[in-house]
Amino acid sequence: MTKAEIIEKISLTNYLSKKESADIVESFFGLIKSTLEAGENIKIAGFGNFEVKEKAARRGRNPQTGEVIEITPRKVLTFKPSQVLKKSINET
């Protein structure tokens, strides 16, 4: 599902204009983005948890050449679905 499809569904189910729906979706995604950029976790009951985790530097290997390389430390975004979401997906 794309952002445009989300906007379309919100506008149809809530009797809002597409502009109003787009503003809501953009605000929601903006809030999620800024919260994650600040290093905070997001917990949505019945849906799941978004978490920013730190990955330490480590040694890796280029699979084509076999050369050992240093992989720089970085942040990664993880999502862990709630038990409610997992159960809902498995029942369909």
PDB file of N, CA and C in Angstrom:
ATOM      1  N   MET A   1       0.851  -1.167   0.000  1.00  0.00           N
ATOM      2  CA  MET A   1       0.000   0.000   0.000  1.00  0.00           C
ATOM      3  C   MET A   1       0.901   1.235   0.000  1.00  0.00           C
ATOM      4  N   THR A   2       0.576   2.185  -0.849  1.00  0.00           N
ATOM      5  CA  THR A   2       1.355   3.416  -0.938  1.00  0.00           C
ATOM      6  C   THR A   2       0.732   4.514  -0.086  1.00  0.00           C
ATOM      7  N   LYS A   3       1.487   5.607   0.091  1.00  0.00           N
ATOM      8  CA  LYS A   3       0.974   6.746   0.849  1.00  0.00           C
ATOM      9  C   LYS A   3      -0.289   7.300   0.180  1.00  0.00           C
ATOM     10  N   ALA A   4      -0.300   7.343  -1.149  1.00  0.00           N
ATOM     11  CA  ALA A   4      -1.474   7.839  -1.880  1.00  0.00           C
ATOM     12  C   ALA A   4      -2.695   6.952  -1.620  1.00  0.00           C
ATOM     13  N   GLU A   5      -2.485   5.653  -1.540  1.00  0.00           N
ATOM     14  CA  GLU A   5      -3.593   4.730  -1.259  1.00  0.00           C
ATOM     15  C   GLU A   5      -4.102   4.912   0.171  1.00  0.00           C
ATOM     16  N   ILE A   6      -3.201   5.176   1.104  1.00  0.00           N
ATOM     17  CA  ILE A   6      -3.610   5.437   2.488  1.00  0.00           C
ATOM     18  C   ILE A   6      -4.468   6.693   2.534  1.00  0.00           C
ATOM     19  N   ILE A   7      -4.025   7.739   1.865  1.00  0.00           N
ATOM     20  CA  ILE A   7      -4.781   8.991   1.820  1.00  0.00           C
ATOM     21  C   ILE A   7      -6.158   8.763   1.223  1.00  0.00           C
ATOM     22  N   GLU A   8      -6.223   8.005   0.153  1.00  0.00           N
ATOM     23  CA  GLU A   8      -7.498   7.700  -0.512  1.00  0.00           C
ATOM     24  C   GLU A   8      -8.442   6.967   0.440  1.00  0.00           C
ATOM     25  N   LYS A   9      -7.946   5.949   1.118  1.00  0.00           N
ATOM     26  CA  LYS A   9      -8.800   5.176   2.033  1.00  0.00           C
ATOM     27  C   LYS A   9      -9.281   6.019   3.202  1.00  0.00           C
ATOM     28  N   ILE A  10      -8.411   6.876   3.742  1.00  0.00           N
ATOM     29  CA  ILE A  10      -8.817   7.740   4.853  1.00  0.00           C
ATOM     30  C   ILE A  10      -9.899   8.711   4.394  1.00  0.00           C
ATOM     31  N   SER A  11      -9.729   9.256   3.198  1.00  0.00           N
ATOM     32  CA  SER A  11     -10.722  10.214   2.707  1.00  0.00           C
ATOM     33  C   SER A  11     -12.073   9.540   2.468  1.00  0.00           C
ATOM     34  N   LEU A  12     -12.061   8.296   2.042  1.00  0.00           N
ATOM     35  CA  LEU A  12     -13.318   7.580   1.785  1.00  0.00           C
ATOM     36  C   LEU A  12     -14.010   7.135   3.068  1.00  0.00           C
ATOM     37  N   THR A  13     -13.231   6.671   4.045  1.00  0.00           N
ATOM     38  CA  THR A  13     -13.843   6.118   5.251  1.00  0.00           C
ATOM     39  C   THR A  13     -14.224   7.173   6.273  1.00  0.00           C
ATOM     40  N   ASN A  14     -13.620   8.361   6.193  1.00  0.00           N
ATOM     41  CA  ASN A  14     -13.903   9.394   7.192  1.00  0.00           C
ATOM     42  C   ASN A  14     -14.579  10.623   6.609  1.00  0.00           C
ATOM     43  N   TYR A  15     -14.990  10.545   5.351  1.00  0.00           N
ATOM     44  CA  TYR A  15     -15.701  11.648   4.684  1.00  0.00           C
ATOM     45  C   TYR A  15     -14.906  12.946   4.746  1.00  0.00           C
ATOM     46  N   LEU A  16     -13.616  12.842   4.556  1.00  0.00           N
ATOM     47  CA  LEU A  16     -12.733  14.003   4.518  1.00  0.00           C
ATOM     48  C   LEU A  16     -12.308  14.245   3.075  1.00  0.00           C
ATOM     49  N   SER A  17     -11.888  15.469   2.788  1.00  0.00           N
ATOM     50  CA  SER A  17     -11.345  15.730   1.458  1.00  0.00           C
ATOM     51  C   SER A  17      -9.972  15.071   1.365  1.00  0.00           C
ATOM     52  N   LYS A  18      -9.497  14.886   0.135  1.00  0.00           N
ATOM     53  CA  LYS A  18      -8.174  14.289  -0.032  1.00  0.00           C
ATOM     54  C   LYS A  18      -7.107  15.212   0.555  1.00  0.00           C
ATOM     55  N   LYS A  19      -7.311  16.509   0.472  1.00  0.00           N
ATOM     56  CA  LYS A  19      -6.349  17.468   1.046  1.00  0.00           C
ATOM     57  C   LYS A  19      -6.275  17.307   2.558  1.00  0.00           C
ATOM     58  N   GLU A  20      -7.430  17.215   3.210  1.00  0.00           N
ATOM     59  CA  GLU A  20      -7.454  17.024   4.667  1.00  0.00           C
ATOM     60  C   GLU A  20      -6.803  15.691   5.042  1.00  0.00           C
ATOM     61  N   SER A  21      -7.121  14.658   4.285  1.00  0.00           N
ATOM     62  CA  SER A  21      -6.539  13.341   4.540  1.00  0.00           C
ATOM     63  C   SER A  21      -5.034  13.362   4.337  1.00  0.00           C
ATOM     64  N   ALA A  22      -4.570  14.039   3.295  1.00  0.00           N
ATOM     65  CA  ALA A  22      -3.137  14.128   3.026  1.00  0.00           C
ATOM     66  C   ALA A  22      -2.430  14.873   4.155  1.00  0.00           C
ATOM     67  N   ASP A  23      -3.056  15.940   4.654  1.00  0.00           N
ATOM     68  CA  ASP A  23      -2.466  16.691   5.770  1.00  0.00           C
ATOM     69  C   ASP A  23      -2.330  15.818   7.014  1.00  0.00           C
ATOM     70  N   ILE A  24      -3.355  15.014   7.286  1.00  0.00           N
ATOM     71  CA  ILE A  24      -3.328  14.116   8.448  1.00  0.00           C
ATOM     72  C   ILE A  24      -2.202  13.091   8.299  1.00  0.00           C
ATOM     73  N   VAL A  25      -2.123  12.460   7.125  1.00  0.00           N
ATOM     74  CA  VAL A  25      -1.102  11.435   6.887  1.00  0.00           C
ATOM     75  C   VAL A  25       0.292  12.044   6.959  1.00  0.00           C
ATOM     76  N   GLU A  26       0.497  13.201   6.333  1.00  0.00           N
ATOM     77  CA  GLU A  26       1.805  13.861   6.366  1.00  0.00           C
ATOM     78  C   GLU A  26       2.189  14.238   7.795  1.00  0.00           C
ATOM     79  N   SER A  27       1.234  14.743   8.561  1.00  0.00           N
ATOM     80  CA  SER A  27       1.511  15.101   9.959  1.00  0.00           C
ATOM     81  C   SER A  27       1.888  13.875  10.773  1.00  0.00           C
ATOM     82  N   PHE A  28       1.158  12.785  10.568  1.00  0.00           N
ATOM     83  CA  PHE A  28       1.415  11.547  11.295  1.00  0.00           C
ATOM     84  C   PHE A  28       2.811  11.015  10.994  1.00  0.00           C
ATOM     85  N   PHE A  29       3.157  10.924   9.699  1.00  0.00           N
ATOM     86  CA  PHE A  29       4.478  10.419   9.328  1.00  0.00           C
ATOM     87  C   PHE A  29       5.580  11.377   9.778  1.00  0.00           C
ATOM     88  N   GLY A  30       5.319  12.669   9.735  1.00  0.00           N
ATOM     89  CA  GLY A  30       6.297  13.646  10.208  1.00  0.00           C
ATOM     90  C   GLY A  30       6.578  13.492  11.691  1.00  0.00           C
ATOM     91  N   LEU A  31       5.515  13.260  12.463  1.00  0.00           N
ATOM     92  CA  LEU A  31       5.660  13.055  13.903  1.00  0.00           C
ATOM     93  C   LEU A  31       6.465  11.786  14.197  1.00  0.00           C
ATOM     94  N   ILE A  32       6.166  10.716  13.479  1.00  0.00           N
ATOM     95  CA  ILE A  32       6.920   9.468  13.662  1.00  0.00           C
ATOM     96  C   ILE A  32       8.389   9.689  13.311  1.00  0.00           C
ATOM     97  N   LYS A  33       8.641  10.333  12.179  1.00  0.00           N
ATOM     98  CA  LYS A  33      10.020  10.569  11.737  1.00  0.00           C
ATOM     99  C   LYS A  33      10.799  11.401  12.753  1.00  0.00           C
ATOM    100  N   SER A  34      10.215  12.515  13.212  1.00  0.00           N
ATOM    101  CA  SER A  34      10.936  13.380  14.150  1.00  0.00           C
ATOM    102  C   SER A  34      11.176  12.685  15.487  1.00  0.00           C
ATOM    103  N   THR A  35      10.230  11.862  15.924  1.00  0.00           N
ATOM    104  CA  THR A  35      10.397  11.118  17.176  1.00  0.00           C
ATOM    105  C   THR A  35      11.540  10.114  17.064  1.00  0.00           C
ATOM    106  N   LEU A  36      11.596   9.390  15.955  1.00  0.00           N
ATOM    107  CA  LEU A  36      12.661   8.410  15.751  1.00  0.00           C
ATOM    108  C   LEU A  36      14.008   9.097  15.568  1.00  0.00           C
ATOM    109  N   GLU A  37      14.036  10.238  14.872  1.00  0.00           N
ATOM    110  CA  GLU A  37      15.287  10.979  14.699  1.00  0.00           C
ATOM    111  C   GLU A  37      15.838  11.457  16.041  1.00  0.00           C
ATOM    112  N   ALA A  38      14.946  11.725  16.985  1.00  0.00           N
ATOM    113  CA  ALA A  38      15.366  12.161  18.319  1.00  0.00           C
ATOM    114  C   ALA A  38      15.847  10.985  19.169  1.00  0.00           C
ATOM    115  N   GLY A  39      15.776   9.774  18.623  1.00  0.00           N
ATOM    116  CA  GLY A  39      16.253   8.594  19.339  1.00  0.00           C
ATOM    117  C   GLY A  39      15.222   7.980  20.266  1.00  0.00           C
ATOM    118  N   GLU A  40      13.982   8.436  20.179  1.00  0.00           N
ATOM    119  CA  GLU A  40      12.928   7.889  21.031  1.00  0.00           C
ATOM    120  C   GLU A  40      12.246   6.716  20.331  1.00  0.00           C
ATOM    121  N   ASN A  41      11.732   5.803  21.124  1.00  0.00           N
ATOM    122  CA  ASN A  41      10.990   4.663  20.591  1.00  0.00           C
ATOM    123  C   ASN A  41       9.521   5.022  20.459  1.00  0.00           C
ATOM    124  N   ILE A  42       8.833   4.315  19.579  1.00  0.00           N
ATOM    125  CA  ILE A  42       7.396   4.522  19.388  1.00  0.00           C
ATOM    126  C   ILE A  42       6.697   3.200  19.660  1.00  0.00           C
ATOM    127  N   LYS A  43       5.723   3.240  20.559  1.00  0.00           N
ATOM    128  CA  LYS A  43       4.940   2.049  20.885  1.00  0.00           C
ATOM    129  C   LYS A  43       3.481   2.332  20.557  1.00  0.00           C
ATOM    130  N   ILE A  44       2.923   1.570  19.627  1.00  0.00           N
ATOM    131  CA  ILE A  44       1.531   1.721  19.241  1.00  0.00           C
ATOM    132  C   ILE A  44       0.805   0.458  19.675  1.00  0.00           C
ATOM    133  N   ALA A  45      -0.063   0.605  20.663  1.00  0.00           N
ATOM    134  CA  ALA A  45      -0.776  -0.542  21.226  1.00  0.00           C
ATOM    135  C   ALA A  45      -1.569  -1.247  20.135  1.00  0.00           C
ATOM    136  N   GLY A  46      -1.458  -2.562  20.113  1.00  0.00           N
ATOM    137  CA  GLY A  46      -2.190  -3.372  19.143  1.00  0.00           C
ATOM    138  C   GLY A  46      -1.530  -3.402  17.779  1.00  0.00           C
ATOM    139  N   PHE A  47      -0.432  -2.682  17.605  1.00  0.00           N
ATOM    140  CA  PHE A  47       0.254  -2.643  16.308  1.00  0.00           C
ATOM    141  C   PHE A  47       1.703  -3.103  16.448  1.00  0.00           C
ATOM    142  N   GLY A  48       2.517  -2.370  17.234  1.00  0.00           N
ATOM    143  CA  GLY A  48       3.896  -2.791  17.418  1.00  0.00           C
ATOM    144  C   GLY A  48       4.782  -1.674  17.910  1.00  0.00           C
ATOM    145  N   ASN A  49       6.089  -1.961  17.943  1.00  0.00           N
ATOM    146  CA  ASN A  49       7.096  -1.026  18.451  1.00  0.00           C
ATOM    147  C   ASN A  49       8.120  -0.708  17.370  1.00  0.00           C
ATOM    148  N   PHE A  50       8.405   0.577  17.218  1.00  0.00           N
ATOM    149  CA  PHE A  50       9.495   1.035  16.369  1.00  0.00           C
ATOM    150  C   PHE A  50      10.619   1.442  17.301  1.00  0.00           C
ATOM    151  N   GLU A  51      11.828   0.953  17.013  1.00  0.00           N
ATOM    152  CA  GLU A  51      12.959   1.217  17.888  1.00  0.00           C
ATOM    153  C   GLU A  51      14.183   1.571  17.060  1.00  0.00           C
ATOM    154  N   VAL A  52      14.950   2.570  17.515  1.00  0.00           N
ATOM    155  CA  VAL A  52      16.227   2.907  16.895  1.00  0.00           C
ATOM    156  C   VAL A  52      17.302   2.235  17.730  1.00  0.00           C
ATOM    157  N   LYS A  53      18.097   1.392  17.079  1.00  0.00           N
ATOM    158  CA  LYS A  53      19.159   0.678  17.783  1.00  0.00           C
ATOM    159  C   LYS A  53      20.517   1.080  17.220  1.00  0.00           C
ATOM    160  N   GLU A  54      21.512   1.070  18.096  1.00  0.00           N
ATOM    161  CA  GLU A  54      22.886   1.381  17.709  1.00  0.00           C
ATOM    162  C   GLU A  54      23.594   0.085  17.335  1.00  0.00           C
ATOM    163  N   LYS A  55      24.234   0.084  16.171  1.00  0.00           N
ATOM    164  CA  LYS A  55      25.059  -1.055  15.782  1.00  0.00           C
ATOM    165  C   LYS A  55      26.507  -0.624  15.894  1.00  0.00           C
ATOM    166  N   ALA A  56      27.291  -1.399  16.578  1.00  0.00           N
ATOM    167  CA  ALA A  56      28.702  -1.086  16.789  1.00  0.00           C
ATOM    168  C   ALA A  56      29.507  -1.328  15.509  1.00  0.00           C
ATOM    169  N   ALA A  57      30.679  -0.730  15.464  1.00  0.00           N
ATOM    170  CA  ALA A  57      31.598  -0.987  14.351  1.00  0.00           C
ATOM    171  C   ALA A  57      32.033  -2.439  14.413  1.00  0.00           C
ATOM    172  N   ARG A  58      32.281  -3.005  13.250  1.00  0.00           N
ATOM    173  CA  ARG A  58      32.730  -4.395  13.219  1.00  0.00           C
ATOM    174  C   ARG A  58      33.513  -4.652  11.938  1.00  0.00           C
ATOM    175  N   ARG A  59      34.185  -5.767  11.929  1.00  0.00           N
ATOM    176  CA  ARG A  59      34.918  -6.146  10.720  1.00  0.00           C
ATOM    177  C   ARG A  59      33.998  -7.000   9.859  1.00  0.00           C
ATOM    178  N   GLY A  60      34.073  -6.748   8.582  1.00  0.00           N
ATOM    179  CA  GLY A  60      33.307  -7.532   7.623  1.00  0.00           C
ATOM    180  C   GLY A  60      34.226  -7.996   6.511  1.00  0.00           C
ATOM    181  N   ARG A  61      33.646  -8.632   5.515  1.00  0.00           N
ATOM    182  CA  ARG A  61      34.444  -9.142   4.407  1.00  0.00           C
ATOM    183  C   ARG A  61      33.703  -8.887   3.111  1.00  0.00           C
ATOM    184  N   ASN A  62      34.425  -8.369   2.124  1.00  0.00           N
ATOM    185  CA  ASN A  62      33.854  -8.195   0.794  1.00  0.00           C
ATOM    186  C   ASN A  62      33.730  -9.591   0.177  1.00  0.00           C
ATOM    187  N   PRO A  63      32.519 -10.049  -0.118  1.00  0.00           N
ATOM    188  CA  PRO A  63      32.354 -11.417  -0.611  1.00  0.00           C
ATOM    189  C   PRO A  63      32.972 -11.651  -1.989  1.00  0.00           C
ATOM    190  N   GLN A  64      33.158 -10.595  -2.774  1.00  0.00           N
ATOM    191  CA  GLN A  64      33.739 -10.778  -4.104  1.00  0.00           C
ATOM    192  C   GLN A  64      35.252 -10.910  -4.059  1.00  0.00           C
ATOM    193  N   THR A  65      35.880 -10.105  -3.200  1.00  0.00           N
ATOM    194  CA  THR A  65      37.356 -10.101  -3.168  1.00  0.00           C
ATOM    195  C   THR A  65      37.931 -10.800  -1.946  1.00  0.00           C
ATOM    196  N   GLY A  66      37.131 -10.983  -0.928  1.00  0.00           N
ATOM    197  CA  GLY A  66      37.624 -11.585   0.306  1.00  0.00           C
ATOM    198  C   GLY A  66      38.349 -10.586   1.193  1.00  0.00           C
ATOM    199  N   GLU A  67      38.440  -9.332   0.749  1.00  0.00           N
ATOM    200  CA  GLU A  67      39.130  -8.285   1.498  1.00  0.00           C
ATOM    201  C   GLU A  67      38.380  -7.972   2.788  1.00  0.00           C
ATOM    202  N   VAL A  68      39.129  -7.854   3.901  1.00  0.00           N
ATOM    203  CA  VAL A  68      38.545  -7.493   5.193  1.00  0.00           C
ATOM    204  C   VAL A  68      38.328  -5.985   5.199  1.00  0.00           C
ATOM    205  N   ILE A  69      37.137  -5.572   5.599  1.00  0.00           N
ATOM    206  CA  ILE A  69      36.804  -4.148   5.644  1.00  0.00           C
ATOM    207  C   ILE A  69      36.221  -3.801   7.005  1.00  0.00           C
ATOM    208  N   GLU A  70      36.284  -2.535   7.355  1.00  0.00           N
ATOM    209  CA  GLU A  70      35.711  -2.057   8.612  1.00  0.00           C
ATOM    210  C   GLU A  70      34.307  -1.516   8.303  1.00  0.00           C
ATOM    211  N   ILE A  71      33.311  -2.058   8.979  1.00  0.00           N
ATOM    212  CA  ILE A  71      31.941  -1.574   8.836  1.00  0.00           C
ATOM    213  C   ILE A  71      31.719  -0.545   9.938  1.00  0.00           C
ATOM    214  N   THR A  72      31.361   0.664   9.542  1.00  0.00           N
ATOM    215  CA  THR A  72      31.229   1.770  10.492  1.00  0.00           C
ATOM    216  C   THR A  72      30.021   1.591  11.400  1.00  0.00           C
ATOM    217  N   PRO A  73      30.069   2.193  12.588  1.00  0.00           N
ATOM    218  CA  PRO A  73      28.896   2.122  13.472  1.00  0.00           C
ATOM    219  C   PRO A  73      27.751   2.907  12.844  1.00  0.00           C
ATOM    220  N   ARG A  74      26.534   2.474  13.138  1.00  0.00           N
ATOM    221  CA  ARG A  74      25.370   3.141  12.559  1.00  0.00           C
ATOM    222  C   ARG A  74      24.145   2.869  13.396  1.00  0.00           C
ATOM    223  N   LYS A  75      23.088   3.580  13.084  1.00  0.00           N
ATOM    224  CA  LYS A  75      21.799   3.368  13.729  1.00  0.00           C
ATOM    225  C   LYS A  75      20.897   2.626  12.749  1.00  0.00           C
ATOM    226  N   VAL A  76      20.110   1.713  13.282  1.00  0.00           N
ATOM    227  CA  VAL A  76      19.154   0.977  12.450  1.00  0.00           C
ATOM    228  C   VAL A  76      17.771   1.080  13.077  1.00  0.00           C
ATOM    229  N   LEU A  77      16.774   1.080  12.225  1.00  0.00           N
ATOM    230  CA  LEU A  77      15.394   1.128  12.681  1.00  0.00           C
ATOM    231  C   LEU A  77      14.831  -0.280  12.663  1.00  0.00           C
ATOM    232  N   THR A  78      14.236  -0.691  13.780  1.00  0.00           N
ATOM    233  CA  THR A  78      13.624  -2.016  13.846  1.00  0.00           C
ATOM    234  C   THR A  78      12.139  -1.871  14.157  1.00  0.00           C
ATOM    235  N   PHE A  79      11.371  -2.840  13.713  1.00  0.00           N
ATOM    236  CA  PHE A  79       9.950  -2.887  14.018  1.00  0.00           C
ATOM    237  C   PHE A  79       9.634  -4.264  14.561  1.00  0.00           C
ATOM    238  N   LYS A  80       8.968  -4.294  15.703  1.00  0.00           N
ATOM    239  CA  LYS A  80       8.540  -5.556  16.288  1.00  0.00           C
ATOM    240  C   LYS A  80       7.021  -5.509  16.399  1.00  0.00           C
ATOM    241  N   PRO A  81       6.323  -6.358  15.641  1.00  0.00           N
ATOM    242  CA  PRO A  81       4.856  -6.339  15.697  1.00  0.00           C
ATOM    243  C   PRO A  81       4.344  -6.837  17.047  1.00  0.00           C
ATOM    244  N   SER A  82       3.168  -6.316  17.434  1.00  0.00           N
ATOM    245  CA  SER A  82       2.554  -6.755  18.691  1.00  0.00           C
ATOM    246  C   SER A  82       1.964  -8.144  18.513  1.00  0.00           C
ATOM    247  N   GLN A  83       1.681  -8.790  19.624  1.00  0.00           N
ATOM    248  CA  GLN A  83       1.049 -10.114  19.573  1.00  0.00           C
ATOM    249  C   GLN A  83      -0.323 -10.030  18.926  1.00  0.00           C
ATOM    250  N   VAL A  84      -1.033  -8.924  19.150  1.00  0.00           N
ATOM    251  CA  VAL A  84      -2.362  -8.727  18.556  1.00  0.00           C
ATOM    252  C   VAL A  84      -2.251  -8.702  17.035  1.00  0.00           C
ATOM    253  N   LEU A  85      -1.277  -7.970  16.506  1.00  0.00           N
ATOM    254  CA  LEU A  85      -1.083  -7.890  15.055  1.00  0.00           C
ATOM    255  C   LEU A  85      -0.671  -9.237  14.493  1.00  0.00           C
ATOM    256  N   LYS A  86       0.261  -9.908  15.169  1.00  0.00           N
ATOM    257  CA  LYS A  86       0.696 -11.230  14.713  1.00  0.00           C
ATOM    258  C   LYS A  86      -0.487 -12.198  14.638  1.00  0.00           C
ATOM    259  N   LYS A  87      -1.305 -12.179  15.679  1.00  0.00           N
ATOM    260  CA  LYS A  87      -2.462 -13.085  15.725  1.00  0.00           C
ATOM    261  C   LYS A  87      -3.442 -12.736  14.607  1.00  0.00           C
ATOM    262  N   SER A  88      -3.684 -11.467  14.395  1.00  0.00           N
ATOM    263  CA  SER A  88      -4.609 -11.022  13.360  1.00  0.00           C
ATOM    264  C   SER A  88      -4.135 -11.455  11.970  1.00  0.00           C
ATOM    265  N   ILE A  89      -2.844 -11.329  11.713  1.00  0.00           N
ATOM    266  CA  ILE A  89      -2.291 -11.712  10.407  1.00  0.00           C
ATOM    267  C   ILE A  89      -2.391 -13.214  10.205  1.00  0.00           C
ATOM    268  N   ASN A  90      -2.141 -13.977  11.247  1.00  0.00           N
ATOM    269  CA  ASN A  90      -2.153 -15.436  11.123  1.00  0.00           C
ATOM    270  C   ASN A  90      -3.558 -16.015  11.051  1.00  0.00           C
ATOM    271  N   GLU A  91      -4.569 -15.259  11.442  1.00  0.00           N
ATOM    272  CA  GLU A  91      -5.946 -15.768  11.387  1.00  0.00           C
ATOM    273  C   GLU A  91      -6.597 -15.583  10.025  1.00  0.00           C
ATOM    274  N   THR A  92      -6.005 -14.731   9.185  1.00  0.00           N
ATOM    275  CA  THR A  92      -6.638 -14.478   7.879  1.00  0.00           C
ATOM    276  C   THR A  92      -6.249 -15.492   6.851  1.00  0.00           C
TER     277      THR A  92
END
